[in-house]
Amino acid sequence: MSDGLPHVNFGDAIAAVKIGHRISRAGWNGKGMFVFLVKTWTFTDGKTDNQPLLPFLAMQTVTGAQVPWLASQTDILAEDWTIL
């Protein structure tokens, strides 16, 4: 893999996310994409404010938007994760 960064497996990448790092895959096509942990967050449901959410993984997309993220089978088995 030609990104020049050391690569780790998914387990090591998730361990890094849990302590505050961002992670990415060399195999992803888009530049600037990464996954990160959202620890605390609240939202409004239109009736009451500040409804709590549990921690979740999010991805920054190529466009700079952030979306909730779930790992695919390929992501889980990949050995090309980088810790940013």
PDB file of N, CA and C in Angstrom:
ATOM      1  N   MET A   1       0.835  -1.169   0.000  1.00  0.00           N
ATOM      2  CA  MET A   1       0.000   0.000   0.000  1.00  0.00           C
ATOM      3  C   MET A   1       0.881   1.233   0.000  1.00  0.00           C
ATOM      4  N   SER A   2       0.500   2.192  -0.762  1.00  0.00           N
ATOM      5  CA  SER A   2       1.418   3.269  -1.074  1.00  0.00           C
ATOM      6  C   SER A   2       1.167   4.568  -0.315  1.00  0.00           C
ATOM      7  N   ASP A   3       0.406   4.562   0.757  1.00  0.00           N
ATOM      8  CA  ASP A   3       0.163   5.816   1.465  1.00  0.00           C
ATOM      9  C   ASP A   3       1.302   6.197   2.397  1.00  0.00           C
ATOM     10  N   GLY A   4       2.267   5.299   2.612  1.00  0.00           N
ATOM     11  CA  GLY A   4       3.424   5.610   3.426  1.00  0.00           C
ATOM     12  C   GLY A   4       3.202   5.535   4.926  1.00  0.00           C
ATOM     13  N   LEU A   5       2.000   5.215   5.361  1.00  0.00           N
ATOM     14  CA  LEU A   5       1.693   5.133   6.789  1.00  0.00           C
ATOM     15  C   LEU A   5       1.706   3.679   7.242  1.00  0.00           C
ATOM     16  N   PRO A   6       2.044   3.434   8.527  1.00  0.00           N
ATOM     17  CA  PRO A   6       1.972   2.053   9.019  1.00  0.00           C
ATOM     18  C   PRO A   6       0.517   1.584   9.066  1.00  0.00           C
ATOM     19  N   HIS A   7       0.308   0.317   8.751  1.00  0.00           N
ATOM     20  CA  HIS A   7      -1.041  -0.228   8.706  1.00  0.00           C
ATOM     21  C   HIS A   7      -1.285  -1.171   9.871  1.00  0.00           C
ATOM     22  N   VAL A   8      -2.540  -1.197  10.339  1.00  0.00           N
ATOM     23  CA  VAL A   8      -2.951  -2.060  11.440  1.00  0.00           C
ATOM     24  C   VAL A   8      -4.238  -2.767  11.053  1.00  0.00           C
ATOM     25  N   ASN A   9      -4.644  -3.743  11.867  1.00  0.00           N
ATOM     26  CA  ASN A   9      -5.910  -4.429  11.627  1.00  0.00           C
ATOM     27  C   ASN A   9      -7.059  -3.650  12.270  1.00  0.00           C
ATOM     28  N   PHE A  10      -8.270  -4.105  12.050  1.00  0.00           N
ATOM     29  CA  PHE A  10      -9.462  -3.407  12.536  1.00  0.00           C
ATOM     30  C   PHE A  10      -9.500  -3.322  14.058  1.00  0.00           C
ATOM     31  N   GLY A  11      -9.102  -4.399  14.733  1.00  0.00           N
ATOM     32  CA  GLY A  11      -9.103  -4.393  16.195  1.00  0.00           C
ATOM     33  C   GLY A  11      -8.204  -3.308  16.759  1.00  0.00           C
ATOM     34  N   ASP A  12      -7.003  -3.187  16.199  1.00  0.00           N
ATOM     35  CA  ASP A  12      -6.084  -2.145  16.654  1.00  0.00           C
ATOM     36  C   ASP A  12      -6.614  -0.752  16.311  1.00  0.00           C
ATOM     37  N   ALA A  13      -7.245  -0.634  15.144  1.00  0.00           N
ATOM     38  CA  ALA A  13      -7.812   0.656  14.740  1.00  0.00           C
ATOM     39  C   ALA A  13      -8.937   1.075  15.680  1.00  0.00           C
ATOM     40  N   ILE A  14      -9.812   0.149  16.035  1.00  0.00           N
ATOM     41  CA  ILE A  14     -10.921   0.473  16.952  1.00  0.00           C
ATOM     42  C   ILE A  14     -10.390   0.838  18.331  1.00  0.00           C
ATOM     43  N   ALA A  15      -9.359   0.124  18.797  1.00  0.00           N
ATOM     44  CA  ALA A  15      -8.754   0.471  20.088  1.00  0.00           C
ATOM     45  C   ALA A  15      -8.235   1.910  20.065  1.00  0.00           C
ATOM     46  N   ALA A  16      -7.665   2.323  18.948  1.00  0.00           N
ATOM     47  CA  ALA A  16      -7.168   3.691  18.816  1.00  0.00           C
ATOM     48  C   ALA A  16      -8.313   4.704  18.816  1.00  0.00           C
ATOM     49  N   VAL A  17      -9.414   4.364  18.141  1.00  0.00           N
ATOM     50  CA  VAL A  17     -10.584   5.257  18.116  1.00  0.00           C
ATOM     51  C   VAL A  17     -11.112   5.480  19.536  1.00  0.00           C
ATOM     52  N   LYS A  18     -11.133   4.427  20.325  1.00  0.00           N
ATOM     53  CA  LYS A  18     -11.668   4.517  21.694  1.00  0.00           C
ATOM     54  C   LYS A  18     -10.875   5.467  22.583  1.00  0.00           C
ATOM     55  N   ILE A  19      -9.619   5.723  22.244  1.00  0.00           N
ATOM     56  CA  ILE A  19      -8.829   6.659  23.049  1.00  0.00           C
ATOM     57  C   ILE A  19      -8.671   8.019  22.364  1.00  0.00           C
ATOM     58  N   GLY A  20      -9.465   8.233  21.299  1.00  0.00           N
ATOM     59  CA  GLY A  20      -9.529   9.568  20.720  1.00  0.00           C
ATOM     60  C   GLY A  20      -8.886   9.785  19.371  1.00  0.00           C
ATOM     61  N   HIS A  21      -8.298   8.755  18.774  1.00  0.00           N
ATOM     62  CA  HIS A  21      -7.688   8.906  17.449  1.00  0.00           C
ATOM     63  C   HIS A  21      -8.741   8.794  16.349  1.00  0.00           C
ATOM     64  N   ARG A  22      -8.402   9.310  15.186  1.00  0.00           N
ATOM     65  CA  ARG A  22      -9.189   9.095  13.973  1.00  0.00           C
ATOM     66  C   ARG A  22      -8.517   7.969  13.207  1.00  0.00           C
ATOM     67  N   ILE A  23      -9.296   7.226  12.427  1.00  0.00           N
ATOM     68  CA  ILE A  23      -8.747   6.119  11.642  1.00  0.00           C
ATOM     69  C   ILE A  23      -9.233   6.214  10.211  1.00  0.00           C
ATOM     70  N   SER A  24      -8.460   5.616   9.318  1.00  0.00           N
ATOM     71  CA  SER A  24      -8.802   5.615   7.901  1.00  0.00           C
ATOM     72  C   SER A  24      -8.262   4.338   7.276  1.00  0.00           C
ATOM     73  N   ARG A  25      -8.734   4.041   6.078  1.00  0.00           N
ATOM     74  CA  ARG A  25      -8.234   2.878   5.342  1.00  0.00           C
ATOM     75  C   ARG A  25      -7.519   3.315   4.080  1.00  0.00           C
ATOM     76  N   ALA A  26      -6.404   2.668   3.798  1.00  0.00           N
ATOM     77  CA  ALA A  26      -5.689   2.923   2.549  1.00  0.00           C
ATOM     78  C   ALA A  26      -6.549   2.514   1.355  1.00  0.00           C
ATOM     79  N   GLY A  27      -7.441   1.531   1.529  1.00  0.00           N
ATOM     80  CA  GLY A  27      -8.271   1.017   0.449  1.00  0.00           C
ATOM     81  C   GLY A  27      -9.466   1.884   0.086  1.00  0.00           C
ATOM     82  N   TRP A  28      -9.734   2.931   0.849  1.00  0.00           N
ATOM     83  CA  TRP A  28     -10.842   3.815   0.506  1.00  0.00           C
ATOM     84  C   TRP A  28     -10.446   4.722  -0.646  1.00  0.00           C
ATOM     85  N   ASN A  29     -11.372   4.954  -1.549  1.00  0.00           N
ATOM     86  CA  ASN A  29     -11.082   5.750  -2.742  1.00  0.00           C
ATOM     87  C   ASN A  29     -11.015   7.245  -2.464  1.00  0.00           C
ATOM     88  N   GLY A  30     -11.828   7.743  -1.542  1.00  0.00           N
ATOM     89  CA  GLY A  30     -11.904   9.181  -1.315  1.00  0.00           C
ATOM     90  C   GLY A  30     -10.807   9.714  -0.413  1.00  0.00           C
ATOM     91  N   LYS A  31     -10.265  10.867  -0.764  1.00  0.00           N
ATOM     92  CA  LYS A  31      -9.261  11.514   0.067  1.00  0.00           C
ATOM     93  C   LYS A  31      -9.931  12.244   1.228  1.00  0.00           C
ATOM     94  N   GLY A  32      -9.273  12.228   2.381  1.00  0.00           N
ATOM     95  CA  GLY A  32      -9.764  12.982   3.524  1.00  0.00           C
ATOM     96  C   GLY A  32     -10.839  12.279   4.329  1.00  0.00           C
ATOM     97  N   MET A  33     -11.171  11.050   3.972  1.00  0.00           N
ATOM     98  CA  MET A  33     -12.194  10.302   4.717  1.00  0.00           C
ATOM     99  C   MET A  33     -11.569   9.680   5.957  1.00  0.00           C
ATOM    100  N   PHE A  34     -12.287   9.752   7.076  1.00  0.00           N
ATOM    101  CA  PHE A  34     -11.825   9.097   8.289  1.00  0.00           C
ATOM    102  C   PHE A  34     -13.004   8.793   9.198  1.00  0.00           C
ATOM    103  N   VAL A  35     -12.774   7.895  10.144  1.00  0.00           N
ATOM    104  CA  VAL A  35     -13.778   7.487  11.134  1.00  0.00           C
ATOM    105  C   VAL A  35     -13.332   8.010  12.489  1.00  0.00           C
ATOM    106  N   PHE A  36     -14.302   8.424  13.294  1.00  0.00           N
ATOM    107  CA  PHE A  36     -14.005   8.929  14.629  1.00  0.00           C
ATOM    108  C   PHE A  36     -15.153   8.572  15.569  1.00  0.00           C
ATOM    109  N   LEU A  37     -14.891   8.659  16.866  1.00  0.00           N
ATOM    110  CA  LEU A  37     -15.888   8.334  17.886  1.00  0.00           C
ATOM    111  C   LEU A  37     -16.583   9.598  18.350  1.00  0.00           C
ATOM    112  N   VAL A  38     -17.904   9.564  18.357  1.00  0.00           N
ATOM    113  CA  VAL A  38     -18.695  10.635  18.949  1.00  0.00           C
ATOM    114  C   VAL A  38     -19.110  10.133  20.327  1.00  0.00           C
ATOM    115  N   LYS A  39     -18.535  10.720  21.377  1.00  0.00           N
ATOM    116  CA  LYS A  39     -18.757  10.219  22.734  1.00  0.00           C
ATOM    117  C   LYS A  39     -20.048  10.743  23.352  1.00  0.00           C
ATOM    118  N   THR A  40     -20.266  12.013  23.252  1.00  0.00           N
ATOM    119  CA  THR A  40     -21.479  12.590  23.834  1.00  0.00           C
ATOM    120  C   THR A  40     -22.122  13.502  22.807  1.00  0.00           C
ATOM    121  N   TRP A  41     -23.412  13.434  22.741  1.00  0.00           N
ATOM    122  CA  TRP A  41     -24.141  14.205  21.746  1.00  0.00           C
ATOM    123  C   TRP A  41     -25.582  14.294  22.197  1.00  0.00           C
ATOM    124  N   THR A  42     -26.236  15.363  21.863  1.00  0.00           N
ATOM    125  CA  THR A  42     -27.664  15.483  22.142  1.00  0.00           C
ATOM    126  C   THR A  42     -28.364  15.979  20.884  1.00  0.00           C
ATOM    127  N   PHE A  43     -29.663  15.757  20.818  1.00  0.00           N
ATOM    128  CA  PHE A  43     -30.429  16.241  19.683  1.00  0.00           C
ATOM    129  C   PHE A  43     -31.798  16.692  20.180  1.00  0.00           C
ATOM    130  N   THR A  44     -32.511  17.394  19.335  1.00  0.00           N
ATOM    131  CA  THR A  44     -33.874  17.781  19.661  1.00  0.00           C
ATOM    132  C   THR A  44     -34.830  16.918  18.854  1.00  0.00           C
ATOM    133  N   ASP A  45     -35.915  16.507  19.488  1.00  0.00           N
ATOM    134  CA  ASP A  45     -36.906  15.689  18.794  1.00  0.00           C
ATOM    135  C   ASP A  45     -38.115  16.514  18.351  1.00  0.00           C
ATOM    136  N   GLY A  46     -37.990  17.829  18.432  1.00  0.00           N
ATOM    137  CA  GLY A  46     -39.079  18.713  18.032  1.00  0.00           C
ATOM    138  C   GLY A  46     -40.015  19.069  19.171  1.00  0.00           C
ATOM    139  N   LYS A  47     -39.928  18.345  20.276  1.00  0.00           N
ATOM    140  CA  LYS A  47     -40.771  18.629  21.438  1.00  0.00           C
ATOM    141  C   LYS A  47     -39.932  19.009  22.647  1.00  0.00           C
ATOM    142  N   THR A  48     -38.833  18.297  22.823  1.00  0.00           N
ATOM    143  CA  THR A  48     -37.938  18.587  23.941  1.00  0.00           C
ATOM    144  C   THR A  48     -36.512  18.659  23.411  1.00  0.00           C
ATOM    145  N   ASP A  49     -35.696  19.458  24.050  1.00  0.00           N
ATOM    146  CA  ASP A  49     -34.304  19.603  23.632  1.00  0.00           C
ATOM    147  C   ASP A  49     -33.394  18.670  24.417  1.00  0.00           C
ATOM    148  N   ASN A  50     -32.200  18.462  23.861  1.00  0.00           N
ATOM    149  CA  ASN A  50     -31.116  17.760  24.531  1.00  0.00           C
ATOM    150  C   ASN A  50     -31.427  16.318  24.903  1.00  0.00           C
ATOM    151  N   GLN A  51     -31.983  15.582  23.946  1.00  0.00           N
ATOM    152  CA  GLN A  51     -32.174  14.149  24.129  1.00  0.00           C
ATOM    153  C   GLN A  51     -30.815  13.467  23.979  1.00  0.00           C
ATOM    154  N   PRO A  52     -30.368  12.667  24.961  1.00  0.00           N
ATOM    155  CA  PRO A  52     -29.025  12.089  24.874  1.00  0.00           C
ATOM    156  C   PRO A  52     -28.937  10.949  23.858  1.00  0.00           C
ATOM    157  N   LEU A  53     -27.801  10.861  23.206  1.00  0.00           N
ATOM    158  CA  LEU A  53     -27.474   9.739  22.328  1.00  0.00           C
ATOM    159  C   LEU A  53     -26.328   8.963  22.952  1.00  0.00           C
ATOM    160  N   LEU A  54     -26.278   7.665  22.718  1.00  0.00           N
ATOM    161  CA  LEU A  54     -25.152   6.852  23.147  1.00  0.00           C
ATOM    162  C   LEU A  54     -23.968   7.100  22.210  1.00  0.00           C
ATOM    163  N   PRO A  55     -22.746   6.765  22.627  1.00  0.00           N
ATOM    164  CA  PRO A  55     -21.592   6.929  21.741  1.00  0.00           C
ATOM    165  C   PRO A  55     -21.778   6.140  20.440  1.00  0.00           C
ATOM    166  N   PHE A  56     -21.222   6.677  19.345  1.00  0.00           N
ATOM    167  CA  PHE A  56     -21.297   6.003  18.049  1.00  0.00           C
ATOM    168  C   PHE A  56     -20.119   6.407  17.181  1.00  0.00           C
ATOM    169  N   LEU A  57     -19.875   5.624  16.149  1.00  0.00           N
ATOM    170  CA  LEU A  57     -18.832   5.942  15.182  1.00  0.00           C
ATOM    171  C   LEU A  57     -19.421   6.783  14.058  1.00  0.00           C
ATOM    172  N   ALA A  58     -18.658   7.768  13.626  1.00  0.00           N
ATOM    173  CA  ALA A  58     -19.062   8.620  12.515  1.00  0.00           C
ATOM    174  C   ALA A  58     -17.919   8.681  11.513  1.00  0.00           C
ATOM    175  N   MET A  59     -18.264   9.043  10.285  1.00  0.00           N
ATOM    176  CA  MET A  59     -17.254   9.176   9.230  1.00  0.00           C
ATOM    177  C   MET A  59     -17.306  10.579   8.665  1.00  0.00           C
ATOM    178  N   GLN A  60     -16.130  11.136   8.433  1.00  0.00           N
ATOM    179  CA  GLN A  60     -16.063  12.349   7.633  1.00  0.00           C
ATOM    180  C   GLN A  60     -15.936  11.908   6.188  1.00  0.00           C
ATOM    181  N   THR A  61     -16.841  12.387   5.348  1.00  0.00           N
ATOM    182  CA  THR A  61     -16.875  11.997   3.941  1.00  0.00           C
ATOM    183  C   THR A  61     -15.932  12.861   3.107  1.00  0.00           C
ATOM    184  N   VAL A  62     -15.825  12.530   1.854  1.00  0.00           N
ATOM    185  CA  VAL A  62     -14.995  13.294   0.917  1.00  0.00           C
ATOM    186  C   VAL A  62     -15.425  14.751   0.875  1.00  0.00           C
ATOM    187  N   THR A  63     -16.712  15.008   1.023  1.00  0.00           N
ATOM    188  CA  THR A  63     -17.224  16.382   0.942  1.00  0.00           C
ATOM    189  C   THR A  63     -17.056  17.157   2.247  1.00  0.00           C
ATOM    190  N   GLY A  64     -16.586  16.482   3.306  1.00  0.00           N
ATOM    191  CA  GLY A  64     -16.427  17.145   4.601  1.00  0.00           C
ATOM    192  C   GLY A  64     -17.619  16.992   5.519  1.00  0.00           C
ATOM    193  N   ALA A  65     -18.680  16.345   5.028  1.00  0.00           N
ATOM    194  CA  ALA A  65     -19.853  16.094   5.869  1.00  0.00           C
ATOM    195  C   ALA A  65     -19.558  14.925   6.805  1.00  0.00           C
ATOM    196  N   GLN A  66     -20.227  14.893   7.937  1.00  0.00           N
ATOM    197  CA  GLN A  66     -20.101  13.766   8.858  1.00  0.00           C
ATOM    198  C   GLN A  66     -21.409  12.990   8.901  1.00  0.00           C
ATOM    199  N   VAL A  67     -21.272  11.646   8.884  1.00  0.00           N
ATOM    200  CA  VAL A  67     -22.432  10.767   8.896  1.00  0.00           C
ATOM    201  C   VAL A  67     -22.164   9.613   9.854  1.00  0.00           C
ATOM    202  N   PRO A  68     -23.212   9.017  10.438  1.00  0.00           N
ATOM    203  CA  PRO A  68     -23.003   7.790  11.224  1.00  0.00           C
ATOM    204  C   PRO A  68     -22.371   6.727  10.328  1.00  0.00           C
ATOM    205  N   TRP A  69     -21.549   5.855  10.932  1.00  0.00           N
ATOM    206  CA  TRP A  69     -20.806   4.875  10.133  1.00  0.00           C
ATOM    207  C   TRP A  69     -20.898   3.490  10.742  1.00  0.00           C
ATOM    208  N   LEU A  70     -21.079   2.503   9.887  1.00  0.00           N
ATOM    209  CA  LEU A  70     -21.016   1.085  10.260  1.00  0.00           C
ATOM    210  C   LEU A  70     -19.959   0.413   9.407  1.00  0.00           C
ATOM    211  N   ALA A  71     -19.156  -0.449  10.014  1.00  0.00           N
ATOM    212  CA  ALA A  71     -18.115  -1.160   9.284  1.00  0.00           C
ATOM    213  C   ALA A  71     -18.732  -2.240   8.404  1.00  0.00           C
ATOM    214  N   SER A  72     -18.205  -2.368   7.199  1.00  0.00           N
ATOM    215  CA  SER A  72     -18.603  -3.462   6.302  1.00  0.00           C
ATOM    216  C   SER A  72     -17.768  -4.693   6.642  1.00  0.00           C
ATOM    217  N   GLN A  73     -18.134  -5.829   6.073  1.00  0.00           N
ATOM    218  CA  GLN A  73     -17.333  -7.048   6.237  1.00  0.00           C
ATOM    219  C   GLN A  73     -15.902  -6.808   5.745  1.00  0.00           C
ATOM    220  N   THR A  74     -15.772  -6.121   4.631  1.00  0.00           N
ATOM    221  CA  THR A  74     -14.456  -5.826   4.082  1.00  0.00           C
ATOM    222  C   THR A  74     -13.646  -4.954   5.032  1.00  0.00           C
ATOM    223  N   ASP A  75     -14.280  -3.932   5.618  1.00  0.00           N
ATOM    224  CA  ASP A  75     -13.599  -3.064   6.579  1.00  0.00           C
ATOM    225  C   ASP A  75     -13.105  -3.863   7.786  1.00  0.00           C
ATOM    226  N   ILE A  76     -13.936  -4.743   8.298  1.00  0.00           N
ATOM    227  CA  ILE A  76     -13.604  -5.514   9.489  1.00  0.00           C
ATOM    228  C   ILE A  76     -12.396  -6.434   9.247  1.00  0.00           C
ATOM    229  N   LEU A  77     -12.324  -7.014   8.075  1.00  0.00           N
ATOM    230  CA  LEU A  77     -11.256  -7.959   7.759  1.00  0.00           C
ATOM    231  C   LEU A  77     -10.003  -7.303   7.178  1.00  0.00           C
ATOM    232  N   ALA A  78     -10.077  -6.012   6.878  1.00  0.00           N
ATOM    233  CA  ALA A  78      -8.961  -5.319   6.235  1.00  0.00           C
ATOM    234  C   ALA A  78      -7.763  -5.170   7.171  1.00  0.00           C
ATOM    235  N   GLU A  79      -6.591  -5.158   6.583  1.00  0.00           N
ATOM    236  CA  GLU A  79      -5.336  -4.967   7.309  1.00  0.00           C
ATOM    237  C   GLU A  79      -4.652  -3.666   6.888  1.00  0.00           C
ATOM    238  N   ASP A  80      -5.426  -2.755   6.265  1.00  0.00           N
ATOM    239  CA  ASP A  80      -4.846  -1.514   5.769  1.00  0.00           C
ATOM    240  C   ASP A  80      -5.350  -0.276   6.517  1.00  0.00           C
ATOM    241  N   TRP A  81      -5.725  -0.442   7.771  1.00  0.00           N
ATOM    242  CA  TRP A  81      -6.159   0.681   8.592  1.00  0.00           C
ATOM    243  C   TRP A  81      -4.966   1.526   9.010  1.00  0.00           C
ATOM    244  N   THR A  82      -5.163   2.819   9.038  1.00  0.00           N
ATOM    245  CA  THR A  82      -4.133   3.724   9.539  1.00  0.00           C
ATOM    246  C   THR A  82      -4.712   4.538  10.681  1.00  0.00           C
ATOM    247  N   ILE A  83      -3.869   4.808  11.657  1.00  0.00           N
ATOM    248  CA  ILE A  83      -4.261   5.645  12.798  1.00  0.00           C
ATOM    249  C   ILE A  83      -3.742   7.048  12.507  1.00  0.00           C
ATOM    250  N   LEU A  84      -4.645   7.998  12.476  1.00  0.00           N
ATOM    251  CA  LEU A  84      -4.288   9.377  12.103  1.00  0.00           C
ATOM    252  C   LEU A  84      -3.961  10.215  13.334  1.00  0.00           C
TER     253      LEU A  84
END
